[in-house]
Amino acid sequence: MKTFASPSFFRTFDLLLAAANPGLKLSHWSQEGVDWERERHSFTGRTHGFAVEVATMTRPGRQGWTLIVVKEFWWAGNQGKELRNSRWAQLLSGRRNDALGWMRERERALERASEPYAEAPTASRVGAIPRR
């Protein structure tokens, strides 16, 4: 994750968002010193529809920063045929390295928390009877 435009940035962003707000039920929450705000704006008409999701992350104080992430979805008709989707992120204040560093550290913490499950023995390795 080097920039706010890379696929790895959006993968990490989605991971952090899902971990902190399962089911996207909250509109405001805090996670490890960062305040999150999420808004969704949508329209559905007879021939098309669209939705825009905006997440704002703010870390106050020294080395603070504010980052906005926008995801836009368009579809056609009642069948919901996807027309287009796009996503972008922009640092509104602070330093890029501070914001990306916070995200990397949170990603590593989530990976460490899930390690015991990843290393759990599987039935094929434990107690399996060799076939002849």
N, C-alpha and C. Protein backbone atom coordinates (compact mmCIF):
# COMPACT_ATOMS: atom_id res chain seq x y z
N MET A 1 0.85 -1.17 0.00
CA MET A 1 0.00 0.00 0.00
C MET A 1 0.91 1.24 0.00
N LYS A 2 1.03 1.86 -1.16
CA LYS A 2 1.90 3.02 -1.29
C LYS A 2 1.14 4.31 -1.49
N THR A 3 -0.04 4.22 -2.09
CA THR A 3 -0.82 5.42 -2.38
C THR A 3 -2.29 5.17 -2.04
N PHE A 4 -3.06 6.24 -2.07
CA PHE A 4 -4.50 6.14 -1.83
C PHE A 4 -5.26 5.67 -3.07
N ALA A 5 -4.55 5.35 -4.13
CA ALA A 5 -5.20 4.89 -5.35
C ALA A 5 -4.94 3.40 -5.62
N SER A 6 -4.08 2.79 -4.84
CA SER A 6 -3.70 1.40 -5.12
C SER A 6 -4.78 0.42 -4.68
N PRO A 7 -4.89 -0.70 -5.38
CA PRO A 7 -5.85 -1.74 -4.96
C PRO A 7 -5.60 -2.21 -3.53
N SER A 8 -4.34 -2.27 -3.12
CA SER A 8 -4.05 -2.72 -1.75
C SER A 8 -4.57 -1.73 -0.71
N PHE A 9 -4.59 -0.44 -1.04
CA PHE A 9 -5.18 0.54 -0.12
C PHE A 9 -6.66 0.25 0.08
N PHE A 10 -7.40 0.04 -1.01
CA PHE A 10 -8.84 -0.19 -0.89
C PHE A 10 -9.14 -1.53 -0.23
N ARG A 11 -8.27 -2.53 -0.45
CA ARG A 11 -8.45 -3.81 0.24
C ARG A 11 -8.29 -3.61 1.74
N THR A 12 -7.25 -2.88 2.16
CA THR A 12 -7.02 -2.61 3.57
C THR A 12 -8.15 -1.76 4.15
N PHE A 13 -8.57 -0.75 3.42
CA PHE A 13 -9.67 0.10 3.87
C PHE A 13 -10.92 -0.74 4.11
N ASP A 14 -11.28 -1.59 3.16
CA ASP A 14 -12.48 -2.44 3.31
C ASP A 14 -12.34 -3.39 4.49
N LEU A 15 -11.16 -3.93 4.71
CA LEU A 15 -10.90 -4.82 5.83
C LEU A 15 -11.10 -4.08 7.16
N LEU A 16 -10.53 -2.90 7.29
CA LEU A 16 -10.66 -2.11 8.51
C LEU A 16 -12.10 -1.68 8.75
N LEU A 17 -12.78 -1.27 7.68
CA LEU A 17 -14.17 -0.86 7.79
C LEU A 17 -15.04 -2.01 8.27
N ALA A 18 -14.87 -3.18 7.70
CA ALA A 18 -15.68 -4.35 8.08
C ALA A 18 -15.38 -4.80 9.51
N ALA A 19 -14.13 -4.70 9.93
CA ALA A 19 -13.76 -5.12 11.29
C ALA A 19 -14.33 -4.17 12.34
N ALA A 20 -14.34 -2.89 12.03
CA ALA A 20 -14.78 -1.89 13.01
C ALA A 20 -16.28 -1.66 12.99
N ASN A 21 -16.93 -1.97 11.87
CA ASN A 21 -18.36 -1.69 11.73
C ASN A 21 -19.03 -2.84 10.97
N PRO A 22 -19.12 -4.01 11.61
CA PRO A 22 -19.73 -5.17 10.93
C PRO A 22 -21.15 -4.86 10.48
N GLY A 23 -21.45 -5.20 9.24
CA GLY A 23 -22.78 -4.96 8.70
C GLY A 23 -23.05 -3.50 8.37
N LEU A 24 -22.06 -2.64 8.56
CA LEU A 24 -22.18 -1.20 8.27
C LEU A 24 -23.41 -0.59 8.94
N LYS A 25 -23.64 -0.93 10.19
CA LYS A 25 -24.82 -0.45 10.92
C LYS A 25 -24.60 0.90 11.59
N LEU A 26 -23.34 1.28 11.82
CA LEU A 26 -23.05 2.53 12.51
C LEU A 26 -22.73 3.64 11.51
N SER A 27 -23.09 4.86 11.88
CA SER A 27 -22.71 6.01 11.04
C SER A 27 -21.52 6.76 11.63
N HIS A 28 -21.25 6.57 12.93
CA HIS A 28 -20.10 7.18 13.60
C HIS A 28 -19.52 6.15 14.57
N TRP A 29 -18.19 6.04 14.62
CA TRP A 29 -17.54 5.16 15.57
C TRP A 29 -16.07 5.54 15.66
N SER A 30 -15.38 4.99 16.64
CA SER A 30 -13.95 5.22 16.81
C SER A 30 -13.22 3.89 16.78
N GLN A 31 -12.00 3.93 16.26
CA GLN A 31 -11.17 2.74 16.16
C GLN A 31 -9.72 3.16 16.38
N GLU A 32 -9.15 2.74 17.50
CA GLU A 32 -7.73 2.97 17.77
C GLU A 32 -7.29 4.42 17.51
N GLY A 33 -8.01 5.37 18.08
CA GLY A 33 -7.63 6.77 17.98
C GLY A 33 -8.10 7.49 16.73
N VAL A 34 -8.85 6.81 15.88
CA VAL A 34 -9.36 7.44 14.65
C VAL A 34 -10.89 7.45 14.71
N ASP A 35 -11.45 8.62 14.45
CA ASP A 35 -12.91 8.77 14.39
C ASP A 35 -13.37 8.56 12.95
N TRP A 36 -14.37 7.70 12.79
CA TRP A 36 -14.93 7.38 11.49
C TRP A 36 -16.32 7.97 11.37
N GLU A 37 -16.67 8.37 10.17
CA GLU A 37 -18.04 8.78 9.84
C GLU A 37 -18.36 8.19 8.48
N ARG A 38 -19.54 7.58 8.36
CA ARG A 38 -19.94 6.96 7.10
C ARG A 38 -21.32 7.47 6.70
N GLU A 39 -21.43 7.88 5.44
CA GLU A 39 -22.71 8.34 4.88
C GLU A 39 -22.97 7.59 3.59
N ARG A 40 -24.25 7.38 3.31
CA ARG A 40 -24.65 6.76 2.04
C ARG A 40 -25.77 7.61 1.46
N HIS A 41 -25.59 7.99 0.21
CA HIS A 41 -26.58 8.76 -0.52
C HIS A 41 -26.99 7.93 -1.73
N SER A 42 -28.29 7.79 -1.96
CA SER A 42 -28.70 6.95 -3.08
C SER A 42 -29.97 7.50 -3.74
N PHE A 43 -30.15 7.07 -4.97
CA PHE A 43 -31.31 7.43 -5.77
C PHE A 43 -31.66 6.24 -6.65
N THR A 44 -32.93 5.93 -6.75
CA THR A 44 -33.37 4.90 -7.68
C THR A 44 -34.51 5.47 -8.51
N GLY A 45 -34.33 5.47 -9.81
CA GLY A 45 -35.34 5.94 -10.73
C GLY A 45 -35.84 4.80 -11.61
N ARG A 46 -36.67 5.12 -12.56
CA ARG A 46 -37.24 4.11 -13.44
C ARG A 46 -36.18 3.47 -14.33
N THR A 47 -35.22 4.25 -14.80
CA THR A 47 -34.23 3.72 -15.75
C THR A 47 -32.83 3.55 -15.17
N HIS A 48 -32.57 4.13 -14.02
CA HIS A 48 -31.23 4.03 -13.46
C HIS A 48 -31.26 4.31 -11.96
N GLY A 49 -30.16 4.03 -11.33
CA GLY A 49 -29.98 4.34 -9.92
C GLY A 49 -28.52 4.54 -9.63
N PHE A 50 -28.24 5.16 -8.48
CA PHE A 50 -26.85 5.30 -8.07
C PHE A 50 -26.79 5.41 -6.55
N ALA A 51 -25.64 5.10 -6.03
CA ALA A 51 -25.37 5.24 -4.61
C ALA A 51 -23.94 5.75 -4.46
N VAL A 52 -23.77 6.63 -3.51
CA VAL A 52 -22.45 7.15 -3.19
C VAL A 52 -22.23 6.91 -1.70
N GLU A 53 -21.16 6.23 -1.38
CA GLU A 53 -20.79 5.99 0.01
C GLU A 53 -19.55 6.82 0.32
N VAL A 54 -19.63 7.58 1.42
CA VAL A 54 -18.53 8.46 1.80
C VAL A 54 -18.11 8.09 3.22
N ALA A 55 -16.84 7.77 3.39
CA ALA A 55 -16.29 7.50 4.71
C ALA A 55 -15.22 8.55 4.99
N THR A 56 -15.30 9.16 6.16
CA THR A 56 -14.30 10.14 6.57
C THR A 56 -13.63 9.60 7.82
N MET A 57 -12.31 9.55 7.77
CA MET A 57 -11.51 9.10 8.90
C MET A 57 -10.70 10.29 9.40
N THR A 58 -10.76 10.55 10.72
CA THR A 58 -10.05 11.68 11.29
C THR A 58 -9.25 11.23 12.50
N ARG A 59 -7.97 11.49 12.47
CA ARG A 59 -7.13 11.25 13.64
C ARG A 59 -6.71 12.60 14.17
N PRO A 60 -7.23 12.97 15.34
CA PRO A 60 -6.91 14.29 15.89
C PRO A 60 -5.53 14.31 16.55
N GLY A 61 -5.08 15.50 16.88
CA GLY A 61 -3.85 15.66 17.65
C GLY A 61 -2.60 15.72 16.81
N ARG A 62 -1.49 15.54 17.50
CA ARG A 62 -0.19 15.58 16.84
C ARG A 62 -0.11 14.46 15.82
N GLN A 63 0.44 14.74 14.68
CA GLN A 63 0.49 13.82 13.55
C GLN A 63 -0.92 13.39 13.13
N GLY A 64 -1.88 14.29 13.34
CA GLY A 64 -3.25 14.02 12.95
C GLY A 64 -3.44 14.13 11.45
N TRP A 65 -4.54 13.61 10.98
CA TRP A 65 -4.86 13.63 9.56
C TRP A 65 -6.35 13.40 9.37
N THR A 66 -6.83 13.75 8.19
CA THR A 66 -8.21 13.48 7.79
C THR A 66 -8.18 12.93 6.39
N LEU A 67 -8.88 11.81 6.20
CA LEU A 67 -8.91 11.12 4.93
C LEU A 67 -10.37 10.87 4.55
N ILE A 68 -10.70 11.12 3.30
CA ILE A 68 -12.04 10.84 2.79
C ILE A 68 -11.92 9.75 1.72
N VAL A 69 -12.83 8.77 1.79
CA VAL A 69 -12.87 7.68 0.82
C VAL A 69 -14.28 7.65 0.24
N VAL A 70 -14.37 7.68 -1.09
CA VAL A 70 -15.66 7.75 -1.77
C VAL A 70 -15.79 6.55 -2.71
N LYS A 71 -16.94 5.88 -2.62
CA LYS A 71 -17.26 4.78 -3.54
C LYS A 71 -18.58 5.13 -4.21
N GLU A 72 -18.60 5.00 -5.52
CA GLU A 72 -19.77 5.38 -6.32
C GLU A 72 -20.21 4.18 -7.16
N PHE A 73 -21.52 3.89 -7.13
CA PHE A 73 -22.09 2.76 -7.86
C PHE A 73 -23.25 3.24 -8.71
N TRP A 74 -23.30 2.82 -9.98
CA TRP A 74 -24.41 3.14 -10.89
C TRP A 74 -24.96 1.83 -11.44
N TRP A 75 -26.28 1.76 -11.60
CA TRP A 75 -26.90 0.60 -12.21
C TRP A 75 -28.08 1.01 -13.07
N ALA A 76 -28.50 0.11 -13.95
CA ALA A 76 -29.57 0.41 -14.91
C ALA A 76 -30.79 -0.44 -14.60
N GLY A 77 -31.96 0.18 -14.71
CA GLY A 77 -33.24 -0.52 -14.65
C GLY A 77 -33.50 -1.27 -13.36
N ASN A 78 -34.62 -1.98 -13.36
CA ASN A 78 -35.04 -2.74 -12.19
C ASN A 78 -34.17 -3.97 -11.96
N GLN A 79 -33.51 -4.46 -13.00
CA GLN A 79 -32.68 -5.64 -12.86
C GLN A 79 -31.38 -5.36 -12.12
N GLY A 80 -31.04 -4.11 -11.97
CA GLY A 80 -29.81 -3.75 -11.27
C GLY A 80 -28.54 -4.04 -12.06
N LYS A 81 -28.62 -4.00 -13.37
CA LYS A 81 -27.44 -4.24 -14.20
C LYS A 81 -26.42 -3.14 -13.92
N GLU A 82 -25.21 -3.57 -13.52
CA GLU A 82 -24.17 -2.61 -13.18
C GLU A 82 -23.73 -1.83 -14.41
N LEU A 83 -23.72 -0.52 -14.28
CA LEU A 83 -23.23 0.34 -15.36
C LEU A 83 -21.79 0.77 -15.10
N ARG A 84 -21.52 1.13 -13.85
CA ARG A 84 -20.20 1.66 -13.54
C ARG A 84 -20.03 1.70 -12.03
N ASN A 85 -18.80 1.55 -11.59
CA ASN A 85 -18.48 1.85 -10.20
C ASN A 85 -17.09 2.46 -10.17
N SER A 86 -16.87 3.31 -9.22
CA SER A 86 -15.56 3.94 -9.08
C SER A 86 -15.30 4.20 -7.61
N ARG A 87 -14.05 4.41 -7.29
CA ARG A 87 -13.67 4.69 -5.92
C ARG A 87 -12.43 5.58 -5.95
N TRP A 88 -12.36 6.43 -4.95
CA TRP A 88 -11.20 7.29 -4.83
C TRP A 88 -11.04 7.71 -3.38
N ALA A 89 -9.86 8.16 -3.05
CA ALA A 89 -9.56 8.63 -1.70
C ALA A 89 -8.70 9.88 -1.80
N GLN A 90 -8.88 10.76 -0.83
CA GLN A 90 -8.11 12.01 -0.82
C GLN A 90 -7.78 12.38 0.62
N LEU A 91 -6.53 12.68 0.87
CA LEU A 91 -6.11 13.18 2.17
C LEU A 91 -6.49 14.65 2.25
N LEU A 92 -7.33 15.00 3.23
CA LEU A 92 -7.78 16.39 3.37
C LEU A 92 -6.84 17.21 4.24
N SER A 93 -6.18 16.55 5.19
CA SER A 93 -5.20 17.24 6.02
C SER A 93 -4.23 16.21 6.58
N GLY A 94 -3.06 16.68 6.98
CA GLY A 94 -2.06 15.80 7.55
C GLY A 94 -1.12 15.24 6.50
N ARG A 95 -0.33 14.26 6.94
CA ARG A 95 0.67 13.65 6.07
C ARG A 95 0.24 12.28 5.60
N ARG A 96 0.49 12.01 4.35
CA ARG A 96 0.12 10.73 3.73
C ARG A 96 0.74 9.56 4.50
N ASN A 97 2.02 9.67 4.84
CA ASN A 97 2.69 8.56 5.53
C ASN A 97 2.09 8.27 6.90
N ASP A 98 1.60 9.29 7.59
CA ASP A 98 0.98 9.07 8.90
C ASP A 98 -0.32 8.28 8.74
N ALA A 99 -1.13 8.66 7.76
CA ALA A 99 -2.41 7.96 7.54
C ALA A 99 -2.16 6.53 7.05
N LEU A 100 -1.29 6.36 6.08
CA LEU A 100 -1.00 5.01 5.58
C LEU A 100 -0.34 4.15 6.66
N GLY A 101 0.51 4.75 7.47
CA GLY A 101 1.15 4.01 8.55
C GLY A 101 0.14 3.50 9.56
N TRP A 102 -0.84 4.32 9.91
CA TRP A 102 -1.90 3.89 10.83
C TRP A 102 -2.66 2.72 10.23
N MET A 103 -2.98 2.81 8.96
CA MET A 103 -3.73 1.74 8.31
C MET A 103 -2.91 0.44 8.25
N ARG A 104 -1.63 0.55 7.95
CA ARG A 104 -0.77 -0.64 7.91
C ARG A 104 -0.71 -1.31 9.28
N GLU A 105 -0.56 -0.50 10.34
CA GLU A 105 -0.49 -1.05 11.69
C GLU A 105 -1.79 -1.74 12.08
N ARG A 106 -2.92 -1.16 11.74
CA ARG A 106 -4.22 -1.79 12.04
C ARG A 106 -4.37 -3.09 11.26
N GLU A 107 -3.91 -3.09 10.01
CA GLU A 107 -3.97 -4.31 9.19
C GLU A 107 -3.12 -5.41 9.82
N ARG A 108 -1.90 -5.06 10.27
CA ARG A 108 -1.05 -6.06 10.93
C ARG A 108 -1.68 -6.59 12.21
N ALA A 109 -2.32 -5.70 12.97
CA ALA A 109 -2.99 -6.13 14.21
C ALA A 109 -4.11 -7.12 13.91
N LEU A 110 -4.88 -6.87 12.86
CA LEU A 110 -5.94 -7.80 12.49
C LEU A 110 -5.36 -9.14 12.03
N GLU A 111 -4.26 -9.09 11.30
CA GLU A 111 -3.61 -10.33 10.86
C GLU A 111 -3.09 -11.13 12.05
N ARG A 112 -2.47 -10.44 13.03
CA ARG A 112 -1.98 -11.13 14.22
C ARG A 112 -3.13 -11.76 15.00
N ALA A 113 -4.24 -11.05 15.07
CA ALA A 113 -5.40 -11.57 15.81
C ALA A 113 -5.99 -12.81 15.17
N SER A 114 -5.83 -12.94 13.85
CA SER A 114 -6.41 -14.09 13.16
C SER A 114 -5.43 -15.24 12.96
N GLU A 115 -4.15 -15.06 13.32
CA GLU A 115 -3.14 -16.10 13.10
C GLU A 115 -3.45 -17.44 13.76
N PRO A 116 -3.91 -17.49 15.02
CA PRO A 116 -4.16 -18.81 15.61
C PRO A 116 -5.17 -19.63 14.81
N TYR A 117 -6.12 -18.96 14.20
CA TYR A 117 -7.12 -19.66 13.41
C TYR A 117 -6.53 -20.15 12.09
N ALA A 118 -5.63 -19.40 11.53
CA ALA A 118 -5.02 -19.79 10.26
C ALA A 118 -4.12 -21.00 10.44
N GLU A 119 -3.54 -21.17 11.64
CA GLU A 119 -2.63 -22.27 11.88
C GLU A 119 -3.31 -23.47 12.53
N ALA A 120 -4.60 -23.43 12.73
CA ALA A 120 -5.30 -24.54 13.36
C ALA A 120 -5.19 -25.78 12.49
N PRO A 121 -4.97 -26.94 13.12
CA PRO A 121 -4.85 -28.16 12.34
C PRO A 121 -6.16 -28.50 11.64
N THR A 122 -6.05 -29.08 10.49
CA THR A 122 -7.23 -29.49 9.74
C THR A 122 -7.44 -30.98 9.90
N ALA A 123 -8.62 -31.45 9.63
CA ALA A 123 -8.93 -32.86 9.77
C ALA A 123 -8.06 -33.71 8.87
N SER A 124 -7.63 -33.17 7.76
CA SER A 124 -6.79 -33.95 6.84
C SER A 124 -5.39 -34.17 7.40
N ARG A 125 -4.96 -33.32 8.36
CA ARG A 125 -3.62 -33.48 8.92
C ARG A 125 -3.64 -34.16 10.28
N VAL A 126 -4.72 -34.03 11.02
CA VAL A 126 -4.78 -34.59 12.37
C VAL A 126 -5.76 -35.74 12.40
N GLY A 127 -5.29 -36.87 12.82
CA GLY A 127 -6.16 -38.02 12.99
C GLY A 127 -6.60 -38.68 11.70
N ALA A 128 -6.02 -38.28 10.61
CA ALA A 128 -6.42 -38.86 9.33
C ALA A 128 -5.82 -40.26 9.20
N ILE A 129 -6.56 -41.12 8.64
CA ILE A 129 -6.09 -42.48 8.43
C ILE A 129 -5.53 -42.56 7.02
N PRO A 130 -4.26 -43.01 6.92
CA PRO A 130 -3.67 -43.10 5.58
C PRO A 130 -4.41 -44.11 4.71
N ARG A 131 -4.57 -43.76 3.48
CA ARG A 131 -5.25 -44.67 2.52
C ARG A 131 -4.22 -45.57 1.87
N ARG A 132 -4.64 -46.76 1.53
CA ARG A 132 -3.75 -47.71 0.85
C ARG A 132 -4.18 -47.94 -0.55
